[in-house]
Amino acid sequence: MRKYLVENNKEYTLSNQVLRSGTSIGANVEEGIGAQSRKDFISKMSIAQKEAFETRYWLRLLRDSKEIKKEYADSMISDCDELISILSKILITSKSNTE
């Protein structure tokens, strides 16, 4: 998406935010997989979830400002919603297993 926006002389700041927060989701999940404790795992999954919320926010701004096509944005927003749901379930399960 960022490549499309840059090549078409579209918006730059918001696309960088999407790139930053979007890639942070996966980075934090990977860190969580290698966590040294349950607490560390929960922390990393929580950060990944927050980054997914942030990514969804930036995608909505890009869509609403008409910087990207609505259908394209809605598809990526749906992907974020799915990630948020998965991460929420991981967090609920992980927290209940520590109590």
PDB file of N, CA and C in Angstrom:
ATOM      1  N   MET A   1       0.816  -1.168   0.000  1.00  0.00           N
ATOM      2  CA  MET A   1       0.000   0.000   0.000  1.00  0.00           C
ATOM      3  C   MET A   1       0.873   1.250   0.000  1.00  0.00           C
ATOM      4  N   ARG A   2       1.888   1.283   0.853  1.00  0.00           N
ATOM      5  CA  ARG A   2       2.761   2.456   0.909  1.00  0.00           C
ATOM      6  C   ARG A   2       3.401   2.708  -0.455  1.00  0.00           C
ATOM      7  N   LYS A   3       3.842   1.630  -1.104  1.00  0.00           N
ATOM      8  CA  LYS A   3       4.462   1.747  -2.428  1.00  0.00           C
ATOM      9  C   LYS A   3       3.477   2.379  -3.411  1.00  0.00           C
ATOM     10  N   TYR A   4       2.224   1.938  -3.376  1.00  0.00           N
ATOM     11  CA  TYR A   4       1.193   2.500  -4.255  1.00  0.00           C
ATOM     12  C   TYR A   4       1.031   3.993  -4.003  1.00  0.00           C
ATOM     13  N   LEU A   5       0.950   4.374  -2.732  1.00  0.00           N
ATOM     14  CA  LEU A   5       0.747   5.781  -2.393  1.00  0.00           C
ATOM     15  C   LEU A   5       1.932   6.637  -2.839  1.00  0.00           C
ATOM     16  N   VAL A   6       3.137   6.154  -2.625  1.00  0.00           N
ATOM     17  CA  VAL A   6       4.332   6.910  -3.009  1.00  0.00           C
ATOM     18  C   VAL A   6       4.442   7.012  -4.527  1.00  0.00           C
ATOM     19  N   GLU A   7       4.225   5.900  -5.231  1.00  0.00           N
ATOM     20  CA  GLU A   7       4.334   5.900  -6.692  1.00  0.00           C
ATOM     21  C   GLU A   7       3.292   6.800  -7.342  1.00  0.00           C
ATOM     22  N   ASN A   8       2.166   6.947  -6.713  1.00  0.00           N
ATOM     23  CA  ASN A   8       1.096   7.762  -7.274  1.00  0.00           C
ATOM     24  C   ASN A   8       1.047   9.146  -6.645  1.00  0.00           C
ATOM     25  N   ASN A   9       2.167   9.549  -6.031  1.00  0.00           N
ATOM     26  CA  ASN A   9       2.280  10.876  -5.412  1.00  0.00           C
ATOM     27  C   ASN A   9       1.141  11.168  -4.451  1.00  0.00           C
ATOM     28  N   LYS A  10       0.775  10.146  -3.720  1.00  0.00           N
ATOM     29  CA  LYS A  10      -0.295  10.299  -2.738  1.00  0.00           C
ATOM     30  C   LYS A  10       0.308  10.632  -1.386  1.00  0.00           C
ATOM     31  N   GLU A  11      -0.503  10.615  -0.411  1.00  0.00           N
ATOM     32  CA  GLU A  11      -0.150  10.944   0.964  1.00  0.00           C
ATOM     33  C   GLU A  11       1.024  10.103   1.463  1.00  0.00           C
ATOM     34  N   TYR A  12       1.906  10.701   2.288  1.00  0.00           N
ATOM     35  CA  TYR A  12       3.112  10.020   2.750  1.00  0.00           C
ATOM     36  C   TYR A  12       3.123   9.776   4.256  1.00  0.00           C
ATOM     37  N   THR A  13       2.722  10.742   5.044  1.00  0.00           N
ATOM     38  CA  THR A  13       2.808  10.624   6.506  1.00  0.00           C
ATOM     39  C   THR A  13       1.932   9.502   7.037  1.00  0.00           C
ATOM     40  N   LEU A  14       0.679   9.457   6.630  1.00  0.00           N
ATOM     41  CA  LEU A  14      -0.219   8.413   7.128  1.00  0.00           C
ATOM     42  C   LEU A  14       0.224   7.028   6.669  1.00  0.00           C
ATOM     43  N   SER A  15       0.710   6.927   5.449  1.00  0.00           N
ATOM     44  CA  SER A  15       1.155   5.618   4.961  1.00  0.00           C
ATOM     45  C   SER A  15       2.368   5.135   5.744  1.00  0.00           C
ATOM     46  N   ASN A  16       3.231   6.047   6.163  1.00  0.00           N
ATOM     47  CA  ASN A  16       4.359   5.658   7.014  1.00  0.00           C
ATOM     48  C   ASN A  16       3.876   5.164   8.368  1.00  0.00           C
ATOM     49  N   GLN A  17       2.839   5.784   8.897  1.00  0.00           N
ATOM     50  CA  GLN A  17       2.279   5.347  10.176  1.00  0.00           C
ATOM     51  C   GLN A  17       1.705   3.934  10.054  1.00  0.00           C
ATOM     52  N   VAL A  18       1.014   3.674   8.945  1.00  0.00           N
ATOM     53  CA  VAL A  18       0.461   2.330   8.713  1.00  0.00           C
ATOM     54  C   VAL A  18       1.593   1.313   8.616  1.00  0.00           C
ATOM     55  N   LEU A  19       2.645   1.659   7.905  1.00  0.00           N
ATOM     56  CA  LEU A  19       3.791   0.759   7.770  1.00  0.00           C
ATOM     57  C   LEU A  19       4.410   0.477   9.138  1.00  0.00           C
ATOM     58  N   ARG A  20       4.605   1.519   9.937  1.00  0.00           N
ATOM     59  CA  ARG A  20       5.227   1.364  11.245  1.00  0.00           C
ATOM     60  C   ARG A  20       4.377   0.510  12.175  1.00  0.00           C
ATOM     61  N   SER A  21       3.106   0.875  12.328  1.00  0.00           N
ATOM     62  CA  SER A  21       2.254   0.134  13.263  1.00  0.00           C
ATOM     63  C   SER A  21       1.915  -1.256  12.731  1.00  0.00           C
ATOM     64  N   GLY A  22       1.730  -1.370  11.424  1.00  0.00           N
ATOM     65  CA  GLY A  22       1.395  -2.669  10.837  1.00  0.00           C
ATOM     66  C   GLY A  22       2.508  -3.689  10.972  1.00  0.00           C
ATOM     67  N   THR A  23       3.743  -3.260  10.762  1.00  0.00           N
ATOM     68  CA  THR A  23       4.858  -4.196  10.901  1.00  0.00           C
ATOM     69  C   THR A  23       5.164  -4.481  12.365  1.00  0.00           C
ATOM     70  N   SER A  24       4.797  -3.572  13.235  1.00  0.00           N
ATOM     71  CA  SER A  24       5.019  -3.774  14.669  1.00  0.00           C
ATOM     72  C   SER A  24       4.144  -4.898  15.216  1.00  0.00           C
ATOM     73  N   ILE A  25       2.992  -5.126  14.602  1.00  0.00           N
ATOM     74  CA  ILE A  25       2.114  -6.218  15.041  1.00  0.00           C
ATOM     75  C   ILE A  25       2.878  -7.535  14.972  1.00  0.00           C
ATOM     76  N   GLY A  26       3.396  -7.835  13.805  1.00  0.00           N
ATOM     77  CA  GLY A  26       4.128  -9.087  13.618  1.00  0.00           C
ATOM     78  C   GLY A  26       5.385  -9.169  14.458  1.00  0.00           C
ATOM     79  N   ALA A  27       6.082  -8.044  14.591  1.00  0.00           N
ATOM     80  CA  ALA A  27       7.313  -8.037  15.390  1.00  0.00           C
ATOM     81  C   ALA A  27       7.019  -8.382  16.845  1.00  0.00           C
ATOM     82  N   ASN A  28       5.942  -7.836  17.384  1.00  0.00           N
ATOM     83  CA  ASN A  28       5.599  -8.118  18.778  1.00  0.00           C
ATOM     84  C   ASN A  28       5.081  -9.537  18.965  1.00  0.00           C
ATOM     85  N   VAL A  29       4.367 -10.063  17.990  1.00  0.00           N
ATOM     86  CA  VAL A  29       3.938 -11.461  18.065  1.00  0.00           C
ATOM     87  C   VAL A  29       5.169 -12.367  18.085  1.00  0.00           C
ATOM     88  N   GLU A  30       6.131 -12.093  17.219  1.00  0.00           N
ATOM     89  CA  GLU A  30       7.362 -12.893  17.194  1.00  0.00           C
ATOM     90  C   GLU A  30       8.112 -12.795  18.521  1.00  0.00           C
ATOM     91  N   GLU A  31       8.185 -11.581  19.077  1.00  0.00           N
ATOM     92  CA  GLU A  31       8.830 -11.427  20.382  1.00  0.00           C
ATOM     93  C   GLU A  31       8.079 -12.215  21.448  1.00  0.00           C
ATOM     94  N   GLY A  32       6.759 -12.209  21.355  1.00  0.00           N
ATOM     95  CA  GLY A  32       5.949 -12.961  22.310  1.00  0.00           C
ATOM     96  C   GLY A  32       6.199 -14.451  22.228  1.00  0.00           C
ATOM     97  N   ILE A  33       6.376 -14.952  21.022  1.00  0.00           N
ATOM     98  CA  ILE A  33       6.656 -16.380  20.837  1.00  0.00           C
ATOM     99  C   ILE A  33       7.954 -16.757  21.549  1.00  0.00           C
ATOM    100  N   GLY A  34       8.902 -15.848  21.553  1.00  0.00           N
ATOM    101  CA  GLY A  34      10.173 -16.107  22.215  1.00  0.00           C
ATOM    102  C   GLY A  34      10.237 -15.595  23.645  1.00  0.00           C
ATOM    103  N   ALA A  35       9.086 -15.281  24.214  1.00  0.00           N
ATOM    104  CA  ALA A  35       9.052 -14.708  25.565  1.00  0.00           C
ATOM    105  C   ALA A  35       9.653 -15.657  26.593  1.00  0.00           C
ATOM    106  N   GLN A  36      10.227 -15.063  27.629  1.00  0.00           N
ATOM    107  CA  GLN A  36      10.862 -15.851  28.683  1.00  0.00           C
ATOM    108  C   GLN A  36       9.917 -16.147  29.842  1.00  0.00           C
ATOM    109  N   SER A  37       8.747 -15.538  29.811  1.00  0.00           N
ATOM    110  CA  SER A  37       7.772 -15.791  30.876  1.00  0.00           C
ATOM    111  C   SER A  37       6.366 -15.556  30.337  1.00  0.00           C
ATOM    112  N   ARG A  38       5.370 -16.042  31.065  1.00  0.00           N
ATOM    113  CA  ARG A  38       3.965 -15.821  30.692  1.00  0.00           C
ATOM    114  C   ARG A  38       3.661 -14.321  30.714  1.00  0.00           C
ATOM    115  N   LYS A  39       4.179 -13.624  31.716  1.00  0.00           N
ATOM    116  CA  LYS A  39       3.958 -12.178  31.835  1.00  0.00           C
ATOM    117  C   LYS A  39       4.522 -11.445  30.614  1.00  0.00           C
ATOM    118  N   ASP A  40       5.713 -11.819  30.186  1.00  0.00           N
ATOM    119  CA  ASP A  40       6.340 -11.217  29.010  1.00  0.00           C
ATOM    120  C   ASP A  40       5.524 -11.528  27.757  1.00  0.00           C
ATOM    121  N   PHE A  41       5.040 -12.761  27.628  1.00  0.00           N
ATOM    122  CA  PHE A  41       4.206 -13.160  26.492  1.00  0.00           C
ATOM    123  C   PHE A  41       2.947 -12.297  26.426  1.00  0.00           C
ATOM    124  N   ILE A  42       2.278 -12.156  27.558  1.00  0.00           N
ATOM    125  CA  ILE A  42       1.050 -11.355  27.612  1.00  0.00           C
ATOM    126  C   ILE A  42       1.345  -9.902  27.241  1.00  0.00           C
ATOM    127  N   SER A  43       2.448  -9.387  27.736  1.00  0.00           N
ATOM    128  CA  SER A  43       2.834  -8.010  27.424  1.00  0.00           C
ATOM    129  C   SER A  43       3.028  -7.814  25.923  1.00  0.00           C
ATOM    130  N   LYS A  44       3.742  -8.719  25.286  1.00  0.00           N
ATOM    131  CA  LYS A  44       4.004  -8.595  23.844  1.00  0.00           C
ATOM    132  C   LYS A  44       2.726  -8.747  23.026  1.00  0.00           C
ATOM    133  N   MET A  45       1.852  -9.671  23.410  1.00  0.00           N
ATOM    134  CA  MET A  45       0.586  -9.839  22.693  1.00  0.00           C
ATOM    135  C   MET A  45      -0.308  -8.612  22.880  1.00  0.00           C
ATOM    136  N   SER A  46      -0.247  -8.020  24.052  1.00  0.00           N
ATOM    137  CA  SER A  46      -1.016  -6.811  24.323  1.00  0.00           C
ATOM    138  C   SER A  46      -0.523  -5.651  23.455  1.00  0.00           C
ATOM    139  N   ILE A  47       0.780  -5.526  23.330  1.00  0.00           N
ATOM    140  CA  ILE A  47       1.342  -4.481  22.467  1.00  0.00           C
ATOM    141  C   ILE A  47       0.946  -4.737  21.014  1.00  0.00           C
ATOM    142  N   ALA A  48       1.006  -5.982  20.575  1.00  0.00           N
ATOM    143  CA  ALA A  48       0.605  -6.329  19.204  1.00  0.00           C
ATOM    144  C   ALA A  48      -0.851  -5.939  18.960  1.00  0.00           C
ATOM    145  N   GLN A  49      -1.708  -6.202  19.948  1.00  0.00           N
ATOM    146  CA  GLN A  49      -3.119  -5.846  19.820  1.00  0.00           C
ATOM    147  C   GLN A  49      -3.286  -4.325  19.710  1.00  0.00           C
ATOM    148  N   LYS A  50      -2.570  -3.581  20.530  1.00  0.00           N
ATOM    149  CA  LYS A  50      -2.644  -2.117  20.472  1.00  0.00           C
ATOM    150  C   LYS A  50      -2.173  -1.600  19.119  1.00  0.00           C
ATOM    151  N   GLU A  51      -1.129  -2.210  18.575  1.00  0.00           N
ATOM    152  CA  GLU A  51      -0.640  -1.808  17.256  1.00  0.00           C
ATOM    153  C   GLU A  51      -1.670  -2.119  16.171  1.00  0.00           C
ATOM    154  N   ALA A  52      -2.408  -3.204  16.322  1.00  0.00           N
ATOM    155  CA  ALA A  52      -3.471  -3.534  15.363  1.00  0.00           C
ATOM    156  C   ALA A  52      -4.586  -2.493  15.427  1.00  0.00           C
ATOM    157  N   PHE A  53      -4.932  -2.065  16.645  1.00  0.00           N
ATOM    158  CA  PHE A  53      -5.921  -0.989  16.787  1.00  0.00           C
ATOM    159  C   PHE A  53      -5.418   0.285  16.110  1.00  0.00           C
ATOM    160  N   GLU A  54      -4.149   0.606  16.329  1.00  0.00           N
ATOM    161  CA  GLU A  54      -3.584   1.817  15.721  1.00  0.00           C
ATOM    162  C   GLU A  54      -3.568   1.718  14.199  1.00  0.00           C
ATOM    163  N   THR A  55      -3.193   0.572  13.682  1.00  0.00           N
ATOM    164  CA  THR A  55      -3.163   0.373  12.233  1.00  0.00           C
ATOM    165  C   THR A  55      -4.553   0.567  11.644  1.00  0.00           C
ATOM    166  N   ARG A  56      -5.552   0.011  12.318  1.00  0.00           N
ATOM    167  CA  ARG A  56      -6.939   0.171  11.853  1.00  0.00           C
ATOM    168  C   ARG A  56      -7.330   1.647  11.820  1.00  0.00           C
ATOM    169  N   TYR A  57      -6.905   2.386  12.826  1.00  0.00           N
ATOM    170  CA  TYR A  57      -7.191   3.829  12.886  1.00  0.00           C
ATOM    171  C   TYR A  57      -6.599   4.551  11.674  1.00  0.00           C
ATOM    172  N   TRP A  58      -5.315   4.299  11.377  1.00  0.00           N
ATOM    173  CA  TRP A  58      -4.666   4.965  10.245  1.00  0.00           C
ATOM    174  C   TRP A  58      -5.320   4.572   8.931  1.00  0.00           C
ATOM    175  N   LEU A  59      -5.703   3.312   8.799  1.00  0.00           N
ATOM    176  CA  LEU A  59      -6.378   2.872   7.578  1.00  0.00           C
ATOM    177  C   LEU A  59      -7.714   3.582   7.398  1.00  0.00           C
ATOM    178  N   ARG A  60      -8.424   3.775   8.484  1.00  0.00           N
ATOM    179  CA  ARG A  60      -9.693   4.509   8.402  1.00  0.00           C
ATOM    180  C   ARG A  60      -9.455   5.950   7.956  1.00  0.00           C
ATOM    181  N   LEU A  61      -8.408   6.573   8.486  1.00  0.00           N
ATOM    182  CA  LEU A  61      -8.092   7.943   8.066  1.00  0.00           C
ATOM    183  C   LEU A  61      -7.757   8.000   6.575  1.00  0.00           C
ATOM    184  N   LEU A  62      -6.958   7.055   6.112  1.00  0.00           N
ATOM    185  CA  LEU A  62      -6.625   7.017   4.685  1.00  0.00           C
ATOM    186  C   LEU A  62      -7.868   6.806   3.830  1.00  0.00           C
ATOM    187  N   ARG A  63      -8.748   5.929   4.282  1.00  0.00           N
ATOM    188  CA  ARG A  63      -9.992   5.673   3.546  1.00  0.00           C
ATOM    189  C   ARG A  63     -10.879   6.917   3.540  1.00  0.00           C
ATOM    190  N   ASP A  64     -11.072   7.498   4.716  1.00  0.00           N
ATOM    191  CA  ASP A  64     -11.989   8.630   4.833  1.00  0.00           C
ATOM    192  C   ASP A  64     -11.471   9.890   4.141  1.00  0.00           C
ATOM    193  N   SER A  65     -10.151   9.995   4.012  1.00  0.00           N
ATOM    194  CA  SER A  65      -9.575  11.136   3.290  1.00  0.00           C
ATOM    195  C   SER A  65      -9.462  10.840   1.793  1.00  0.00           C
ATOM    196  N   LYS A  66      -9.930   9.653   1.421  1.00  0.00           N
ATOM    197  CA  LYS A  66      -9.958   9.210   0.021  1.00  0.00           C
ATOM    198  C   LYS A  66      -8.560   9.091  -0.597  1.00  0.00           C
ATOM    199  N   GLU A  67      -7.574   8.809   0.246  1.00  0.00           N
ATOM    200  CA  GLU A  67      -6.214   8.587  -0.243  1.00  0.00           C
ATOM    201  C   GLU A  67      -6.059   7.188  -0.829  1.00  0.00           C
ATOM    202  N   ILE A  68      -6.879   6.250  -0.359  1.00  0.00           N
ATOM    203  CA  ILE A  68      -6.902   4.910  -0.940  1.00  0.00           C
ATOM    204  C   ILE A  68      -8.357   4.540  -1.202  1.00  0.00           C
ATOM    205  N   LYS A  69      -8.555   3.617  -2.117  1.00  0.00           N
ATOM    206  CA  LYS A  69      -9.914   3.210  -2.472  1.00  0.00           C
ATOM    207  C   LYS A  69     -10.607   2.571  -1.281  1.00  0.00           C
ATOM    208  N   LYS A  70     -11.895   2.861  -1.163  1.00  0.00           N
ATOM    209  CA  LYS A  70     -12.690   2.357  -0.048  1.00  0.00           C
ATOM    210  C   LYS A  70     -12.633   0.834   0.042  1.00  0.00           C
ATOM    211  N   GLU A  71     -12.772   0.150  -1.089  1.00  0.00           N
ATOM    212  CA  GLU A  71     -12.782  -1.314  -1.089  1.00  0.00           C
ATOM    213  C   GLU A  71     -11.453  -1.875  -0.583  1.00  0.00           C
ATOM    214  N   TYR A  72     -10.372  -1.259  -1.007  1.00  0.00           N
ATOM    215  CA  TYR A  72      -9.032  -1.687  -0.590  1.00  0.00           C
ATOM    216  C   TYR A  72      -8.851  -1.451   0.907  1.00  0.00           C
ATOM    217  N   ALA A  73      -9.231  -0.265   1.362  1.00  0.00           N
ATOM    218  CA  ALA A  73      -9.119   0.058   2.789  1.00  0.00           C
ATOM    219  C   ALA A  73      -9.996  -0.860   3.622  1.00  0.00           C
ATOM    220  N   ASP A  74     -11.229  -1.065   3.187  1.00  0.00           N
ATOM    221  CA  ASP A  74     -12.146  -1.916   3.950  1.00  0.00           C
ATOM    222  C   ASP A  74     -11.624  -3.341   4.080  1.00  0.00           C
ATOM    223  N   SER A  75     -10.973  -3.829   3.035  1.00  0.00           N
ATOM    224  CA  SER A  75     -10.390  -5.168   3.095  1.00  0.00           C
ATOM    225  C   SER A  75      -9.281  -5.230   4.147  1.00  0.00           C
ATOM    226  N   MET A  76      -8.424  -4.228   4.168  1.00  0.00           N
ATOM    227  CA  MET A  76      -7.341  -4.203   5.157  1.00  0.00           C
ATOM    228  C   MET A  76      -7.869  -3.956   6.567  1.00  0.00           C
ATOM    229  N   ILE A  77      -8.912  -3.144   6.686  1.00  0.00           N
ATOM    230  CA  ILE A  77      -9.532  -2.910   7.991  1.00  0.00           C
ATOM    231  C   ILE A  77     -10.140  -4.212   8.511  1.00  0.00           C
ATOM    232  N   SER A  78     -10.756  -4.966   7.620  1.00  0.00           N
ATOM    233  CA  SER A  78     -11.306  -6.272   7.996  1.00  0.00           C
ATOM    234  C   SER A  78     -10.201  -7.210   8.477  1.00  0.00           C
ATOM    235  N   ASP A  79      -9.057  -7.179   7.804  1.00  0.00           N
ATOM    236  CA  ASP A  79      -7.908  -7.983   8.249  1.00  0.00           C
ATOM    237  C   ASP A  79      -7.460  -7.563   9.646  1.00  0.00           C
ATOM    238  N   CYS A  80      -7.436  -6.262   9.896  1.00  0.00           N
ATOM    239  CA  CYS A  80      -7.073  -5.763  11.234  1.00  0.00           C
ATOM    240  C   CYS A  80      -8.080  -6.232  12.274  1.00  0.00           C
ATOM    241  N   ASP A  81      -9.355  -6.170  11.927  1.00  0.00           N
ATOM    242  CA  ASP A  81     -10.389  -6.635  12.855  1.00  0.00           C
ATOM    243  C   ASP A  81     -10.178  -8.103  13.213  1.00  0.00           C
ATOM    244  N   GLU A  82      -9.819  -8.901  12.214  1.00  0.00           N
ATOM    245  CA  GLU A  82      -9.572 -10.323  12.458  1.00  0.00           C
ATOM    246  C   GLU A  82      -8.357 -10.518  13.369  1.00  0.00           C
ATOM    247  N   LEU A  83      -7.294  -9.764  13.113  1.00  0.00           N
ATOM    248  CA  LEU A  83      -6.108  -9.837  13.977  1.00  0.00           C
ATOM    249  C   LEU A  83      -6.435  -9.422  15.410  1.00  0.00           C
ATOM    250  N   ILE A  84      -7.208  -8.361  15.553  1.00  0.00           N
ATOM    251  CA  ILE A  84      -7.604  -7.892  16.885  1.00  0.00           C
ATOM    252  C   ILE A  84      -8.380  -8.979  17.612  1.00  0.00           C
ATOM    253  N   SER A  85      -9.284  -9.629  16.904  1.00  0.00           N
ATOM    254  CA  SER A  85     -10.076 -10.705  17.497  1.00  0.00           C
ATOM    255  C   SER A  85      -9.192 -11.874  17.934  1.00  0.00           C
ATOM    256  N   ILE A  86      -8.270 -12.275  17.076  1.00  0.00           N
ATOM    257  CA  ILE A  86      -7.362 -13.378  17.405  1.00  0.00           C
ATOM    258  C   ILE A  86      -6.504 -13.017  18.612  1.00  0.00           C
ATOM    259  N   LEU A  87      -5.928 -11.820  18.592  1.00  0.00           N
ATOM    260  CA  LEU A  87      -5.075 -11.396  19.704  1.00  0.00           C
ATOM    261  C   LEU A  87      -5.872 -11.265  20.998  1.00  0.00           C
ATOM    262  N   SER A  88      -7.116 -10.813  20.904  1.00  0.00           N
ATOM    263  CA  SER A  88      -7.973 -10.721  22.097  1.00  0.00           C
ATOM    264  C   SER A  88      -8.184 -12.094  22.713  1.00  0.00           C
ATOM    265  N   LYS A  89      -8.446 -13.089  21.872  1.00  0.00           N
ATOM    266  CA  LYS A  89      -8.654 -14.455  22.371  1.00  0.00           C
ATOM    267  C   LYS A  89      -7.376 -15.024  22.981  1.00  0.00           C
ATOM    268  N   ILE A  90      -6.247 -14.743  22.354  1.00  0.00           N
ATOM    269  CA  ILE A  90      -4.962 -15.182  22.912  1.00  0.00           C
ATOM    270  C   ILE A  90      -4.758 -14.563  24.290  1.00  0.00           C
ATOM    271  N   LEU A  91      -5.040 -13.286  24.418  1.00  0.00           N
ATOM    272  CA  LEU A  91      -4.854 -12.599  25.701  1.00  0.00           C
ATOM    273  C   LEU A  91      -5.806 -13.122  26.770  1.00  0.00           C
ATOM    274  N   ILE A  92      -7.060 -13.332  26.407  1.00  0.00           N
ATOM    275  CA  ILE A  92      -8.035 -13.859  27.376  1.00  0.00           C
ATOM    276  C   ILE A  92      -7.590 -15.226  27.878  1.00  0.00           C
ATOM    277  N   THR A  93      -7.205 -16.098  26.950  1.00  0.00           N
ATOM    278  CA  THR A  93      -6.755 -17.442  27.328  1.00  0.00           C
ATOM    279  C   THR A  93      -5.492 -17.385  28.177  1.00  0.00           C
ATOM    280  N   SER A  94      -4.538 -16.580  27.764  1.00  0.00           N
ATOM    281  CA  SER A  94      -3.269 -16.483  28.499  1.00  0.00           C
ATOM    282  C   SER A  94      -3.467 -15.934  29.900  1.00  0.00           C
ATOM    283  N   LYS A  95      -4.315 -14.927  30.024  1.00  0.00           N
ATOM    284  CA  LYS A  95      -4.560 -14.335  31.343  1.00  0.00           C
ATOM    285  C   LYS A  95      -5.307 -15.305  32.251  1.00  0.00           C
ATOM    286  N   SER A  96      -6.247 -16.057  31.678  1.00  0.00           N
ATOM    287  CA  SER A  96      -7.002 -17.005  32.510  1.00  0.00           C
ATOM    288  C   SER A  96      -6.121 -18.170  32.958  1.00  0.00           C
ATOM    289  N   ASN A  97      -5.115 -18.509  32.174  1.00  0.00           N
ATOM    290  CA  ASN A  97      -4.198 -19.590  32.539  1.00  0.00           C
ATOM    291  C   ASN A  97      -3.200 -19.180  33.615  1.00  0.00           C
ATOM    292  N   THR A  98      -3.068 -17.877  33.853  1.00  0.00           N
ATOM    293  CA  THR A  98      -2.130 -17.419  34.884  1.00  0.00           C
ATOM    294  C   THR A  98      -2.817 -17.218  36.224  1.00  0.00           C
ATOM    295  N   GLU A  99      -4.120 -17.212  36.216  1.00  0.00           N
ATOM    296  CA  GLU A  99      -4.861 -16.971  37.469  1.00  0.00           C
ATOM    297  C   GLU A  99      -5.129 -18.242  38.220  1.00  0.00           C
TER     298      GLU A  99
END
